[in-house]
Amino acid sequence: MSASDDLPVVDTLAELTGLVERHQGLYVRWSRGPGADLADVSSTDDLTGAPMPGLSANPLDLEEWWQGRPVQVWVARRLYDYSHLPHEKGADVRPWVLKGRETGRGPDNEPLVADVRPLCWIDARTIDEARAEVDRQENAWGPLRRTGS
């Protein structure tokens, strides 16, 4: 790992949930890590190849409409929604948590984040816990995965 990738690791869903409960403005990003991303803080639109003004990331902050529901379920869903990315973009793609400033929206309406400060990696066991949490919910849900026609 490069120096910027030498981050603490969140080992459990409960630990990540605690981080989200204590801090506002956190995002999760699935990529090869800060070392690869911070040299040029720009994502690229997969369809057109257009550079975007920030890194594609997903917010971990709770929305008001969540109204007292379990934070752990919220966090699990935010992780689960994009858990297919390592299978599609490469086994070295991993989730990590960052703070930053939103500069716009990407083509999937995801925040684009600049002034990025990496905080921690998310361990694969945490993703497994997120899947299990989503599976325990009453309604069926799947990751936000595109399939070719």
N, C-alpha and C. Protein backbone atom coordinates (compact mmCIF):
# COMPACT_ATOMS: atom_id res chain seq x y z
N MET A 1 0.84 -1.19 0.00
CA MET A 1 0.00 0.00 0.00
C MET A 1 0.87 1.24 0.00
N SER A 2 0.39 2.26 -0.67
CA SER A 2 1.10 3.53 -0.60
C SER A 2 0.75 4.22 0.71
N ALA A 3 1.44 5.28 1.02
CA ALA A 3 1.21 5.98 2.29
C ALA A 3 -0.24 6.43 2.41
N SER A 4 -0.85 6.90 1.33
CA SER A 4 -2.23 7.37 1.42
C SER A 4 -3.22 6.22 1.54
N ASP A 5 -2.79 4.99 1.24
CA ASP A 5 -3.67 3.84 1.39
C ASP A 5 -3.49 3.18 2.75
N ASP A 6 -2.55 3.64 3.55
CA ASP A 6 -2.28 3.07 4.86
C ASP A 6 -3.26 3.67 5.85
N LEU A 7 -4.48 3.16 5.83
CA LEU A 7 -5.57 3.68 6.65
C LEU A 7 -6.02 2.64 7.66
N PRO A 8 -6.68 3.07 8.73
CA PRO A 8 -7.29 2.10 9.62
C PRO A 8 -8.38 1.33 8.87
N VAL A 9 -8.76 0.19 9.42
CA VAL A 9 -9.78 -0.65 8.78
C VAL A 9 -10.97 -0.80 9.72
N VAL A 10 -12.17 -0.57 9.17
CA VAL A 10 -13.41 -0.82 9.90
C VAL A 10 -13.73 -2.29 9.69
N ASP A 11 -13.78 -3.05 10.79
CA ASP A 11 -13.92 -4.50 10.72
C ASP A 11 -15.36 -4.99 10.82
N THR A 12 -16.27 -4.16 11.33
CA THR A 12 -17.64 -4.63 11.54
C THR A 12 -18.65 -3.57 11.09
N LEU A 13 -19.85 -4.04 10.81
CA LEU A 13 -20.94 -3.14 10.46
C LEU A 13 -21.27 -2.23 11.64
N ALA A 14 -21.20 -2.76 12.84
CA ALA A 14 -21.47 -1.95 14.04
C ALA A 14 -20.45 -0.81 14.17
N GLU A 15 -19.19 -1.10 13.87
CA GLU A 15 -18.16 -0.06 13.94
C GLU A 15 -18.40 1.04 12.91
N LEU A 16 -18.77 0.66 11.69
CA LEU A 16 -19.06 1.65 10.65
C LEU A 16 -20.32 2.44 11.01
N THR A 17 -21.32 1.76 11.55
CA THR A 17 -22.55 2.43 11.98
C THR A 17 -22.22 3.48 13.04
N GLY A 18 -21.36 3.15 13.98
CA GLY A 18 -20.95 4.11 15.00
C GLY A 18 -20.27 5.32 14.41
N LEU A 19 -19.45 5.11 13.41
CA LEU A 19 -18.77 6.21 12.73
C LEU A 19 -19.80 7.14 12.07
N VAL A 20 -20.79 6.55 11.41
CA VAL A 20 -21.85 7.33 10.75
C VAL A 20 -22.69 8.09 11.78
N GLU A 21 -22.91 7.49 12.93
CA GLU A 21 -23.69 8.16 13.98
C GLU A 21 -22.93 9.33 14.58
N ARG A 22 -21.62 9.27 14.60
CA ARG A 22 -20.80 10.32 15.22
C ARG A 22 -20.39 11.44 14.27
N HIS A 23 -20.40 11.17 12.95
CA HIS A 23 -19.86 12.14 11.99
C HIS A 23 -20.82 12.37 10.83
N GLN A 24 -20.95 13.62 10.44
CA GLN A 24 -21.72 14.00 9.26
C GLN A 24 -20.77 14.13 8.06
N GLY A 25 -21.31 14.01 6.87
CA GLY A 25 -20.53 14.28 5.67
C GLY A 25 -19.58 13.17 5.26
N LEU A 26 -19.92 11.93 5.60
CA LEU A 26 -19.11 10.79 5.20
C LEU A 26 -19.64 10.19 3.90
N TYR A 27 -18.73 9.64 3.13
CA TYR A 27 -19.07 8.98 1.87
C TYR A 27 -18.35 7.65 1.80
N VAL A 28 -18.91 6.73 1.04
CA VAL A 28 -18.21 5.48 0.74
C VAL A 28 -17.87 5.50 -0.74
N ARG A 29 -16.67 5.10 -1.04
CA ARG A 29 -16.20 5.01 -2.43
C ARG A 29 -15.65 3.62 -2.66
N TRP A 30 -16.00 3.04 -3.80
CA TRP A 30 -15.49 1.74 -4.21
C TRP A 30 -14.46 1.99 -5.30
N SER A 31 -13.20 1.70 -5.00
CA SER A 31 -12.14 1.94 -5.98
C SER A 31 -10.90 1.16 -5.58
N ARG A 32 -9.82 1.45 -6.25
CA ARG A 32 -8.53 0.83 -5.92
C ARG A 32 -7.85 1.56 -4.76
N GLY A 33 -8.49 2.59 -4.25
CA GLY A 33 -8.03 3.25 -3.04
C GLY A 33 -7.57 4.67 -3.24
N PRO A 34 -7.33 5.36 -2.13
CA PRO A 34 -6.90 6.75 -2.18
C PRO A 34 -5.61 6.95 -2.96
N GLY A 35 -4.69 6.02 -2.87
CA GLY A 35 -3.43 6.16 -3.60
C GLY A 35 -3.65 6.29 -5.09
N ALA A 36 -4.62 5.56 -5.62
CA ALA A 36 -4.94 5.63 -7.05
C ALA A 36 -5.81 6.85 -7.36
N ASP A 37 -6.67 7.23 -6.44
CA ASP A 37 -7.68 8.27 -6.71
C ASP A 37 -7.21 9.69 -6.47
N LEU A 38 -6.31 9.89 -5.53
CA LEU A 38 -6.01 11.26 -5.11
C LEU A 38 -5.00 11.97 -5.99
N ALA A 39 -4.34 11.26 -6.88
CA ALA A 39 -3.43 11.91 -7.81
C ALA A 39 -4.20 12.84 -8.75
N ASP A 40 -5.39 12.41 -9.16
CA ASP A 40 -6.26 13.19 -10.04
C ASP A 40 -7.67 13.00 -9.52
N VAL A 41 -8.13 13.89 -8.66
CA VAL A 41 -9.42 13.71 -7.99
C VAL A 41 -10.55 13.93 -8.99
N SER A 42 -10.71 12.93 -9.86
CA SER A 42 -11.72 12.99 -10.91
C SER A 42 -12.12 11.57 -11.29
N SER A 43 -13.41 11.32 -11.34
CA SER A 43 -13.92 10.07 -11.88
C SER A 43 -14.20 10.27 -13.35
N THR A 44 -14.39 9.17 -14.05
CA THR A 44 -14.69 9.21 -15.48
C THR A 44 -16.02 8.52 -15.72
N ASP A 45 -16.87 9.15 -16.51
CA ASP A 45 -18.14 8.53 -16.90
C ASP A 45 -17.85 7.30 -17.75
N ASP A 46 -18.29 6.13 -17.30
CA ASP A 46 -18.01 4.89 -18.02
C ASP A 46 -18.61 4.89 -19.44
N LEU A 47 -19.75 5.50 -19.63
CA LEU A 47 -20.40 5.48 -20.94
C LEU A 47 -19.69 6.36 -21.96
N THR A 48 -19.34 7.59 -21.58
CA THR A 48 -18.80 8.55 -22.56
C THR A 48 -17.30 8.80 -22.42
N GLY A 49 -16.73 8.42 -21.28
CA GLY A 49 -15.32 8.72 -21.04
C GLY A 49 -15.07 10.13 -20.55
N ALA A 50 -16.15 10.89 -20.32
CA ALA A 50 -16.01 12.28 -19.88
C ALA A 50 -15.47 12.35 -18.45
N PRO A 51 -14.46 13.21 -18.22
CA PRO A 51 -13.98 13.40 -16.84
C PRO A 51 -15.02 14.18 -16.04
N MET A 52 -15.11 13.88 -14.76
CA MET A 52 -16.07 14.54 -13.88
C MET A 52 -15.31 15.28 -12.78
N PRO A 53 -15.89 16.37 -12.25
CA PRO A 53 -15.18 17.22 -11.28
C PRO A 53 -15.22 16.69 -9.85
N GLY A 54 -14.71 15.50 -9.65
CA GLY A 54 -14.68 14.91 -8.31
C GLY A 54 -14.77 13.40 -8.41
N LEU A 55 -14.64 12.75 -7.28
CA LEU A 55 -14.73 11.30 -7.21
C LEU A 55 -16.17 10.87 -6.98
N SER A 56 -16.63 9.88 -7.73
CA SER A 56 -17.96 9.32 -7.50
C SER A 56 -17.95 8.63 -6.14
N ALA A 57 -18.91 8.97 -5.32
CA ALA A 57 -19.01 8.38 -3.99
C ALA A 57 -20.48 8.36 -3.60
N ASN A 58 -20.79 7.62 -2.55
CA ASN A 58 -22.16 7.55 -2.07
C ASN A 58 -22.23 8.03 -0.64
N PRO A 59 -23.19 8.91 -0.35
CA PRO A 59 -23.28 9.48 0.99
C PRO A 59 -23.72 8.44 2.02
N LEU A 60 -23.16 8.56 3.21
CA LEU A 60 -23.56 7.70 4.32
C LEU A 60 -24.49 8.41 5.30
N ASP A 61 -24.65 9.74 5.15
CA ASP A 61 -25.54 10.48 6.04
C ASP A 61 -26.97 9.97 5.91
N LEU A 62 -27.66 9.89 7.04
CA LEU A 62 -29.06 9.51 7.03
C LEU A 62 -29.90 10.64 6.46
N GLU A 63 -30.93 10.28 5.76
CA GLU A 63 -31.90 11.25 5.25
C GLU A 63 -33.00 11.43 6.29
N GLU A 64 -33.61 12.62 6.31
CA GLU A 64 -34.67 12.90 7.28
C GLU A 64 -35.80 11.90 7.21
N TRP A 65 -36.15 11.47 6.01
CA TRP A 65 -37.29 10.56 5.85
C TRP A 65 -37.04 9.20 6.50
N TRP A 66 -35.80 8.89 6.86
CA TRP A 66 -35.48 7.61 7.50
C TRP A 66 -36.16 7.52 8.87
N GLN A 67 -36.38 8.67 9.52
CA GLN A 67 -37.21 8.84 10.72
C GLN A 67 -37.03 7.78 11.80
N GLY A 68 -35.85 7.70 12.35
CA GLY A 68 -35.65 6.86 13.52
C GLY A 68 -35.49 5.38 13.26
N ARG A 69 -35.48 4.98 12.01
CA ARG A 69 -35.24 3.57 11.72
C ARG A 69 -33.79 3.24 12.07
N PRO A 70 -33.45 1.96 12.18
CA PRO A 70 -32.09 1.60 12.59
C PRO A 70 -31.01 2.12 11.64
N VAL A 71 -30.04 2.80 12.22
CA VAL A 71 -28.93 3.33 11.44
C VAL A 71 -28.16 2.19 10.78
N GLN A 72 -28.04 1.07 11.47
CA GLN A 72 -27.30 -0.07 10.92
C GLN A 72 -27.92 -0.59 9.63
N VAL A 73 -29.24 -0.55 9.52
CA VAL A 73 -29.91 -0.98 8.28
C VAL A 73 -29.59 0.01 7.16
N TRP A 74 -29.60 1.30 7.48
CA TRP A 74 -29.26 2.33 6.50
C TRP A 74 -27.84 2.11 5.96
N VAL A 75 -26.90 1.94 6.87
CA VAL A 75 -25.50 1.76 6.48
C VAL A 75 -25.33 0.47 5.68
N ALA A 76 -26.00 -0.59 6.11
CA ALA A 76 -25.92 -1.87 5.38
C ALA A 76 -26.41 -1.70 3.96
N ARG A 77 -27.51 -1.01 3.79
CA ARG A 77 -28.05 -0.80 2.44
C ARG A 77 -27.09 0.03 1.58
N ARG A 78 -26.50 1.06 2.16
CA ARG A 78 -25.57 1.90 1.39
C ARG A 78 -24.37 1.08 0.91
N LEU A 79 -23.92 0.12 1.71
CA LEU A 79 -22.81 -0.74 1.30
C LEU A 79 -23.29 -1.78 0.28
N TYR A 80 -24.41 -2.38 0.56
CA TYR A 80 -24.93 -3.46 -0.27
C TYR A 80 -25.24 -2.99 -1.69
N ASP A 81 -25.73 -1.77 -1.81
CA ASP A 81 -26.15 -1.26 -3.12
C ASP A 81 -25.05 -1.33 -4.17
N TYR A 82 -23.80 -1.20 -3.75
CA TYR A 82 -22.70 -1.19 -4.72
C TYR A 82 -21.70 -2.32 -4.49
N SER A 83 -22.11 -3.33 -3.76
CA SER A 83 -21.21 -4.43 -3.42
C SER A 83 -20.84 -5.30 -4.63
N HIS A 84 -21.51 -5.10 -5.75
CA HIS A 84 -21.18 -5.84 -6.98
C HIS A 84 -19.95 -5.28 -7.69
N LEU A 85 -19.50 -4.09 -7.33
CA LEU A 85 -18.43 -3.43 -8.08
C LEU A 85 -17.12 -4.21 -8.15
N PRO A 86 -16.66 -4.87 -7.08
CA PRO A 86 -15.42 -5.64 -7.22
C PRO A 86 -15.52 -6.75 -8.28
N HIS A 87 -16.70 -7.31 -8.44
CA HIS A 87 -16.89 -8.37 -9.44
C HIS A 87 -16.87 -7.80 -10.86
N GLU A 88 -17.31 -6.55 -11.00
CA GLU A 88 -17.40 -5.94 -12.32
C GLU A 88 -16.16 -5.13 -12.70
N LYS A 89 -15.49 -4.54 -11.72
CA LYS A 89 -14.37 -3.64 -12.01
C LYS A 89 -13.02 -4.20 -11.60
N GLY A 90 -13.01 -5.33 -10.91
CA GLY A 90 -11.74 -5.96 -10.53
C GLY A 90 -11.67 -6.25 -9.05
N ALA A 91 -11.00 -7.35 -8.73
CA ALA A 91 -10.91 -7.80 -7.34
C ALA A 91 -10.17 -6.81 -6.44
N ASP A 92 -9.39 -5.90 -7.03
CA ASP A 92 -8.67 -4.92 -6.21
C ASP A 92 -9.51 -3.68 -5.90
N VAL A 93 -10.77 -3.66 -6.33
CA VAL A 93 -11.69 -2.57 -5.99
C VAL A 93 -12.28 -2.87 -4.61
N ARG A 94 -12.11 -1.90 -3.70
CA ARG A 94 -12.53 -2.07 -2.31
C ARG A 94 -13.26 -0.81 -1.84
N PRO A 95 -14.10 -0.94 -0.82
CA PRO A 95 -14.77 0.25 -0.28
C PRO A 95 -13.91 0.95 0.77
N TRP A 96 -13.98 2.28 0.74
CA TRP A 96 -13.30 3.09 1.75
C TRP A 96 -14.15 4.30 2.06
N VAL A 97 -13.96 4.84 3.25
CA VAL A 97 -14.75 5.98 3.73
C VAL A 97 -13.91 7.24 3.60
N LEU A 98 -14.59 8.31 3.20
CA LEU A 98 -13.92 9.60 3.03
C LEU A 98 -14.82 10.73 3.47
N LYS A 99 -14.21 11.87 3.71
CA LYS A 99 -14.92 13.14 3.89
C LYS A 99 -14.49 14.01 2.72
N GLY A 100 -15.37 14.92 2.33
CA GLY A 100 -15.03 15.81 1.24
C GLY A 100 -16.14 16.80 0.98
N ARG A 101 -15.99 17.51 -0.12
CA ARG A 101 -16.93 18.56 -0.52
C ARG A 101 -17.57 18.17 -1.84
N GLU A 102 -18.90 18.17 -1.87
CA GLU A 102 -19.61 17.85 -3.11
C GLU A 102 -19.41 18.96 -4.13
N THR A 103 -19.07 18.54 -5.38
CA THR A 103 -18.85 19.51 -6.45
C THR A 103 -19.87 19.36 -7.57
N GLY A 104 -20.72 18.36 -7.49
CA GLY A 104 -21.70 18.13 -8.53
C GLY A 104 -22.28 16.74 -8.40
N ARG A 105 -22.93 16.31 -9.46
CA ARG A 105 -23.55 14.98 -9.52
C ARG A 105 -23.10 14.27 -10.77
N GLY A 106 -22.89 12.97 -10.63
CA GLY A 106 -22.53 12.14 -11.78
C GLY A 106 -23.75 11.69 -12.54
N PRO A 107 -23.56 10.90 -13.60
CA PRO A 107 -24.67 10.48 -14.44
C PRO A 107 -25.68 9.58 -13.74
N ASP A 108 -25.32 8.95 -12.65
CA ASP A 108 -26.26 8.14 -11.86
C ASP A 108 -26.78 8.92 -10.66
N ASN A 109 -26.63 10.24 -10.70
CA ASN A 109 -27.04 11.16 -9.65
C ASN A 109 -26.23 10.99 -8.36
N GLU A 110 -25.07 10.34 -8.47
CA GLU A 110 -24.21 10.17 -7.31
C GLU A 110 -23.42 11.44 -7.07
N PRO A 111 -23.13 11.76 -5.82
CA PRO A 111 -22.30 12.92 -5.53
C PRO A 111 -20.90 12.75 -6.13
N LEU A 112 -20.36 13.85 -6.60
CA LEU A 112 -18.96 13.92 -7.00
C LEU A 112 -18.26 14.73 -5.91
N VAL A 113 -17.19 14.18 -5.34
CA VAL A 113 -16.58 14.74 -4.14
C VAL A 113 -15.14 15.16 -4.41
N ALA A 114 -14.81 16.38 -4.00
CA ALA A 114 -13.44 16.92 -4.09
C ALA A 114 -12.97 17.24 -2.67
N ASP A 115 -11.76 17.74 -2.55
CA ASP A 115 -11.15 18.02 -1.24
C ASP A 115 -11.28 16.79 -0.34
N VAL A 116 -10.91 15.66 -0.89
CA VAL A 116 -11.11 14.35 -0.26
C VAL A 116 -10.10 14.12 0.86
N ARG A 117 -10.63 13.66 1.99
CA ARG A 117 -9.80 13.22 3.11
C ARG A 117 -10.15 11.76 3.42
N PRO A 118 -9.29 10.81 3.04
CA PRO A 118 -9.56 9.40 3.33
C PRO A 118 -9.57 9.14 4.83
N LEU A 119 -10.53 8.32 5.29
CA LEU A 119 -10.62 8.02 6.72
C LEU A 119 -10.29 6.57 7.05
N CYS A 120 -10.86 5.63 6.29
CA CYS A 120 -10.64 4.23 6.62
C CYS A 120 -11.09 3.33 5.47
N TRP A 121 -10.53 2.12 5.47
CA TRP A 121 -11.00 1.05 4.60
C TRP A 121 -12.19 0.37 5.26
N ILE A 122 -13.00 -0.30 4.47
CA ILE A 122 -14.09 -1.13 5.00
C ILE A 122 -13.73 -2.57 4.68
N ASP A 123 -13.60 -3.40 5.70
CA ASP A 123 -13.21 -4.79 5.53
C ASP A 123 -14.30 -5.60 4.83
N ALA A 124 -13.90 -6.63 4.11
CA ALA A 124 -14.85 -7.50 3.40
C ALA A 124 -15.86 -8.13 4.36
N ARG A 125 -15.45 -8.39 5.60
CA ARG A 125 -16.40 -8.95 6.58
C ARG A 125 -17.55 -7.99 6.85
N THR A 126 -17.26 -6.71 6.80
CA THR A 126 -18.31 -5.70 7.00
C THR A 126 -19.32 -5.77 5.86
N ILE A 127 -18.84 -5.99 4.65
CA ILE A 127 -19.74 -6.13 3.50
C ILE A 127 -20.59 -7.39 3.66
N ASP A 128 -20.00 -8.48 4.14
CA ASP A 128 -20.76 -9.70 4.40
C ASP A 128 -21.85 -9.45 5.43
N GLU A 129 -21.52 -8.70 6.48
CA GLU A 129 -22.52 -8.35 7.49
C GLU A 129 -23.64 -7.49 6.89
N ALA A 130 -23.26 -6.58 5.99
CA ALA A 130 -24.26 -5.73 5.34
C ALA A 130 -25.22 -6.59 4.51
N ARG A 131 -24.68 -7.56 3.77
CA ARG A 131 -25.53 -8.46 2.98
C ARG A 131 -26.50 -9.22 3.89
N ALA A 132 -25.99 -9.72 5.00
CA ALA A 132 -26.83 -10.47 5.94
C ALA A 132 -27.92 -9.57 6.52
N GLU A 133 -27.58 -8.32 6.84
CA GLU A 133 -28.57 -7.37 7.37
C GLU A 133 -29.67 -7.10 6.34
N VAL A 134 -29.28 -6.90 5.10
CA VAL A 134 -30.26 -6.66 4.04
C VAL A 134 -31.13 -7.91 3.85
N ASP A 135 -30.53 -9.08 3.88
CA ASP A 135 -31.29 -10.34 3.73
C ASP A 135 -32.31 -10.53 4.84
N ARG A 136 -32.05 -10.00 6.03
CA ARG A 136 -32.99 -10.14 7.15
C ARG A 136 -34.21 -9.23 7.01
N GLN A 137 -34.17 -8.28 6.12
CA GLN A 137 -35.29 -7.34 5.98
C GLN A 137 -36.49 -8.03 5.34
N GLU A 138 -37.65 -7.47 5.58
CA GLU A 138 -38.91 -8.06 5.14
C GLU A 138 -39.05 -8.11 3.61
N ASN A 139 -38.57 -7.10 2.93
CA ASN A 139 -38.73 -7.02 1.49
C ASN A 139 -37.43 -7.40 0.78
N ALA A 140 -37.57 -7.99 -0.39
CA ALA A 140 -36.40 -8.38 -1.17
C ALA A 140 -35.72 -7.13 -1.74
N TRP A 141 -34.40 -7.18 -1.84
CA TRP A 141 -33.63 -6.05 -2.36
C TRP A 141 -32.38 -6.59 -3.01
N GLY A 142 -31.91 -5.94 -4.04
CA GLY A 142 -30.69 -6.36 -4.69
C GLY A 142 -29.77 -5.19 -4.91
N PRO A 143 -28.50 -5.45 -5.21
CA PRO A 143 -27.58 -4.35 -5.46
C PRO A 143 -27.98 -3.58 -6.72
N LEU A 144 -27.54 -2.35 -6.83
CA LEU A 144 -27.85 -1.51 -7.99
C LEU A 144 -26.93 -1.91 -9.13
N ARG A 145 -27.29 -2.98 -9.77
CA ARG A 145 -26.43 -3.57 -10.79
C ARG A 145 -27.08 -3.43 -12.16
N ARG A 146 -26.30 -2.96 -13.10
CA ARG A 146 -26.79 -2.88 -14.47
C ARG A 146 -26.48 -4.20 -15.17
N THR A 147 -27.40 -4.65 -15.98
CA THR A 147 -27.14 -5.83 -16.79
C THR A 147 -27.24 -5.45 -18.24
N GLY A 148 -26.41 -6.06 -19.08
CA GLY A 148 -26.47 -5.79 -20.51
C GLY A 148 -27.71 -6.42 -21.12
N SER A 149 -28.13 -5.85 -22.24
CA SER A 149 -29.32 -6.42 -22.90
C SER A 149 -28.93 -7.31 -24.04
